[in-house]
Structures are given as C-alpha cells and as structure tokens.
C-alpha cells in the first residue's frame, strides 16, 4: 500500500528504535560503544568514499556493480586488519572458543 516510501520510513523507524537497547546496555553493563565502533566506522567511511569515487568513473551495469562490491571488500578487509587487527583476532578467538565448548 505504501510502496518504497513506506519501506523507507519503516526502515528508518526500526533503525531509530535500535538506539534504545544500546542506551539500556550502556546504563546496565557500562559498555563504551564509541570505543567499539570507531575503527569499523572509519574504515567504512574510507571504503564508501573509495567505492563512490570508482562508481563515478565507470558506467553502471551488473558487472560494474559486482566489481565495485569486490573493490569495497578489497579496501575494507586490509584496512580493518591494519587498524584493529589485534582486537579483531582476540574477538574472533573468543567466538571460536564459545562455539567449541
């Protein structure tokens, strides 16, 4: 009934309501969210700017879109390991240990 505009509004509403659990978790267990998200946020911004720059250089088609996705992965993956490699490896070990026990 509401089409794409309704989908956009509902997506924005869901995104906004996800702030509530973050605030509650911060109050209850004292999680510092900024310290945990700044590295992926910086890398995501660098990736987005890079992919946007590449997308303006070449015409749009499915192979080009897939190429841009690959470029995004090739930019994001090394940068996230450069910026937060030790934390990422530590978190990954914790996840593996949680599932192996």
C-alpha atoms as a PDB file:
ATOM      1  CA  UNK A   1       0.000   0.000   0.000  1.00  0.00           C
ATOM      2  CA  UNK A   2       2.796   2.475   0.875  1.00  0.00           C
ATOM      3  CA  UNK A   3       5.412   1.213  -1.596  1.00  0.00           C
ATOM      4  CA  UNK A   4       9.054   2.227  -1.472  1.00  0.00           C
ATOM      5  CA  UNK A   5       8.405   5.352   0.609  1.00  0.00           C
ATOM      6  CA  UNK A   6       6.672   3.279   3.283  1.00  0.00           C
ATOM      7  CA  UNK A   7       9.561   0.833   3.246  1.00  0.00           C
ATOM      8  CA  UNK A   8      11.990   3.731   3.727  1.00  0.00           C
ATOM      9  CA  UNK A   9      10.012   5.134   6.651  1.00  0.00           C
ATOM     10  CA  UNK A  10       9.708   1.735   8.318  1.00  0.00           C
ATOM     11  CA  UNK A  11      13.437   1.108   7.878  1.00  0.00           C
ATOM     12  CA  UNK A  12      14.253   4.492   9.422  1.00  0.00           C
ATOM     13  CA  UNK A  13      11.889   3.800  12.334  1.00  0.00           C
ATOM     14  CA  UNK A  14      13.466   0.395  13.002  1.00  0.00           C
ATOM     15  CA  UNK A  15      16.953   1.934  12.844  1.00  0.00           C
ATOM     16  CA  UNK A  16      15.935   4.654  15.284  1.00  0.00           C
ATOM     17  CA  UNK A  17      14.467   2.186  17.766  1.00  0.00           C
ATOM     18  CA  UNK A  18      17.708   0.196  17.803  1.00  0.00           C
ATOM     19  CA  UNK A  19      19.208   3.064  19.807  1.00  0.00           C
ATOM     20  CA  UNK A  20      17.083   2.101  22.829  1.00  0.00           C
ATOM     21  CA  UNK A  21      18.861  -1.250  23.514  1.00  0.00           C
ATOM     22  CA  UNK A  22      22.206   0.490  23.120  1.00  0.00           C
ATOM     23  CA  UNK A  23      21.289   3.078  25.751  1.00  0.00           C
ATOM     24  CA  UNK A  24      19.975   0.374  28.089  1.00  0.00           C
ATOM     25  CA  UNK A  25      23.093  -1.775  27.663  1.00  0.00           C
ATOM     26  CA  UNK A  26      25.309   1.218  28.346  1.00  0.00           C
ATOM     27  CA  UNK A  27      23.415   2.000  31.553  1.00  0.00           C
ATOM     28  CA  UNK A  28      23.221  -1.590  32.799  1.00  0.00           C
ATOM     29  CA  UNK A  29      26.638  -3.030  31.918  1.00  0.00           C
ATOM     30  CA  UNK A  30      28.663   0.083  31.109  1.00  0.00           C
ATOM     31  CA  UNK A  31      29.634  -0.736  27.520  1.00  0.00           C
ATOM     32  CA  UNK A  32      31.583   2.025  25.773  1.00  0.00           C
ATOM     33  CA  UNK A  33      30.067   1.850  22.290  1.00  0.00           C
ATOM     34  CA  UNK A  34      32.145   4.638  20.782  1.00  0.00           C
ATOM     35  CA  UNK A  35      35.357   2.809  21.678  1.00  0.00           C
ATOM     36  CA  UNK A  36      33.987  -0.317  19.983  1.00  0.00           C
ATOM     37  CA  UNK A  37      32.668   1.227  16.768  1.00  0.00           C
ATOM     38  CA  UNK A  38      35.102   3.994  15.824  1.00  0.00           C
ATOM     39  CA  UNK A  39      37.514   1.711  13.939  1.00  0.00           C
ATOM     40  CA  UNK A  40      34.919  -0.039  11.731  1.00  0.00           C
ATOM     41  CA  UNK A  41      33.202   3.312  11.221  1.00  0.00           C
ATOM     42  CA  UNK A  42      36.390   4.980   9.933  1.00  0.00           C
ATOM     43  CA  UNK A  43      37.171   2.038   7.650  1.00  0.00           C
ATOM     44  CA  UNK A  44      33.579   2.001   6.346  1.00  0.00           C
ATOM     45  CA  UNK A  45      33.759   5.703   5.511  1.00  0.00           C
ATOM     46  CA  UNK A  46      37.056   5.224   3.642  1.00  0.00           C
ATOM     47  CA  UNK A  47      35.549   2.281   1.747  1.00  0.00           C
ATOM     48  CA  UNK A  48      32.354   4.202   0.913  1.00  0.00           C
ATOM     49  CA  UNK A  49      34.262   7.210  -0.412  1.00  0.00           C
ATOM     50  CA  UNK A  50      36.538   4.958  -2.478  1.00  0.00           C
ATOM     51  CA  UNK A  51      33.684   2.940  -3.983  1.00  0.00           C
ATOM     52  CA  UNK A  52      31.754   6.139  -4.696  1.00  0.00           C
ATOM     53  CA  UNK A  53      34.777   7.607  -6.475  1.00  0.00           C
ATOM     54  CA  UNK A  54      35.177   4.460  -8.592  1.00  0.00           C
ATOM     55  CA  UNK A  55      31.449   4.375  -9.373  1.00  0.00           C
ATOM     56  CA  UNK A  56      31.610   7.855 -10.856  1.00  0.00           C
ATOM     57  CA  UNK A  57      34.397   6.812 -13.221  1.00  0.00           C
ATOM     58  CA  UNK A  58      32.592   3.915 -14.914  1.00  0.00           C
ATOM     59  CA  UNK A  59      29.040   3.410 -16.278  1.00  0.00           C
ATOM     60  CA  UNK A  60      26.553   1.315 -14.299  1.00  0.00           C
ATOM     61  CA  UNK A  61      25.862  -2.317 -15.172  1.00  0.00           C
ATOM     62  CA  UNK A  62      25.702  -5.575 -13.209  1.00  0.00           C
ATOM     63  CA  UNK A  63      29.365  -6.474 -13.849  1.00  0.00           C
ATOM     64  CA  UNK A  64      30.371  -2.981 -12.747  1.00  0.00           C
ATOM     65  CA  UNK A  65      28.279  -3.229  -9.578  1.00  0.00           C
ATOM     66  CA  UNK A  66      29.859  -6.591  -8.754  1.00  0.00           C
ATOM     67  CA  UNK A  67      33.290  -5.079  -9.444  1.00  0.00           C
ATOM     68  CA  UNK A  68      32.500  -2.222  -7.041  1.00  0.00           C
ATOM     69  CA  UNK A  69      31.498  -4.746  -4.365  1.00  0.00           C
ATOM     70  CA  UNK A  70      34.819  -6.551  -4.846  1.00  0.00           C
ATOM     71  CA  UNK A  71      36.673  -3.212  -4.664  1.00  0.00           C
ATOM     72  CA  UNK A  72      34.835  -2.441  -1.414  1.00  0.00           C
ATOM     73  CA  UNK A  73      35.842  -5.800   0.071  1.00  0.00           C
ATOM     74  CA  UNK A  74      39.449  -5.340  -1.078  1.00  0.00           C
ATOM     75  CA  UNK A  75      39.576  -1.928   0.593  1.00  0.00           C
ATOM     76  CA  UNK A  76      37.710  -2.795   3.801  1.00  0.00           C
ATOM     77  CA  UNK A  77      39.387  -6.102   4.674  1.00  0.00           C
ATOM     78  CA  UNK A  78      43.031  -4.978   4.799  1.00  0.00           C
ATOM     79  CA  UNK A  79      42.161  -1.650   6.417  1.00  0.00           C
ATOM     80  CA  UNK A  80      40.153  -3.233   9.233  1.00  0.00           C
ATOM     81  CA  UNK A  81      43.046  -5.598   9.964  1.00  0.00           C
ATOM     82  CA  UNK A  82      45.547  -2.717   9.880  1.00  0.00           C
ATOM     83  CA  UNK A  83      43.500  -0.504  12.201  1.00  0.00           C
ATOM     84  CA  UNK A  84      42.087  -3.084  14.627  1.00  0.00           C
ATOM     85  CA  UNK A  85      43.789  -6.389  13.823  1.00  0.00           C
ATOM     86  CA  UNK A  86      44.707  -7.418  17.369  1.00  0.00           C
ATOM     87  CA  UNK A  87      41.212  -6.659  18.734  1.00  0.00           C
ATOM     88  CA  UNK A  88      39.621  -8.417  15.777  1.00  0.00           C
ATOM     89  CA  UNK A  89      41.771 -11.528  16.273  1.00  0.00           C
ATOM     90  CA  UNK A  90      41.026 -11.524  20.014  1.00  0.00           C
ATOM     91  CA  UNK A  91      37.280 -11.250  19.402  1.00  0.00           C
ATOM     92  CA  UNK A  92      37.405 -13.992  16.775  1.00  0.00           C
ATOM     93  CA  UNK A  93      39.240 -16.328  19.191  1.00  0.00           C
ATOM     94  CA  UNK A  94      36.549 -15.634  21.797  1.00  0.00           C
ATOM     95  CA  UNK A  95      33.781 -16.524  19.340  1.00  0.00           C
ATOM     96  CA  UNK A  96      35.576 -19.702  18.260  1.00  0.00           C
ATOM     97  CA  UNK A  97      36.120 -20.717  21.882  1.00  0.00           C
ATOM     98  CA  UNK A  98      32.473 -20.052  22.726  1.00  0.00           C
ATOM     99  CA  UNK A  99      31.282 -22.359  19.956  1.00  0.00           C
ATOM    100  CA  UNK A 100      33.878 -25.063  20.512  1.00  0.00           C
ATOM    101  CA  UNK A 101      32.943 -25.643  24.176  1.00  0.00           C
END
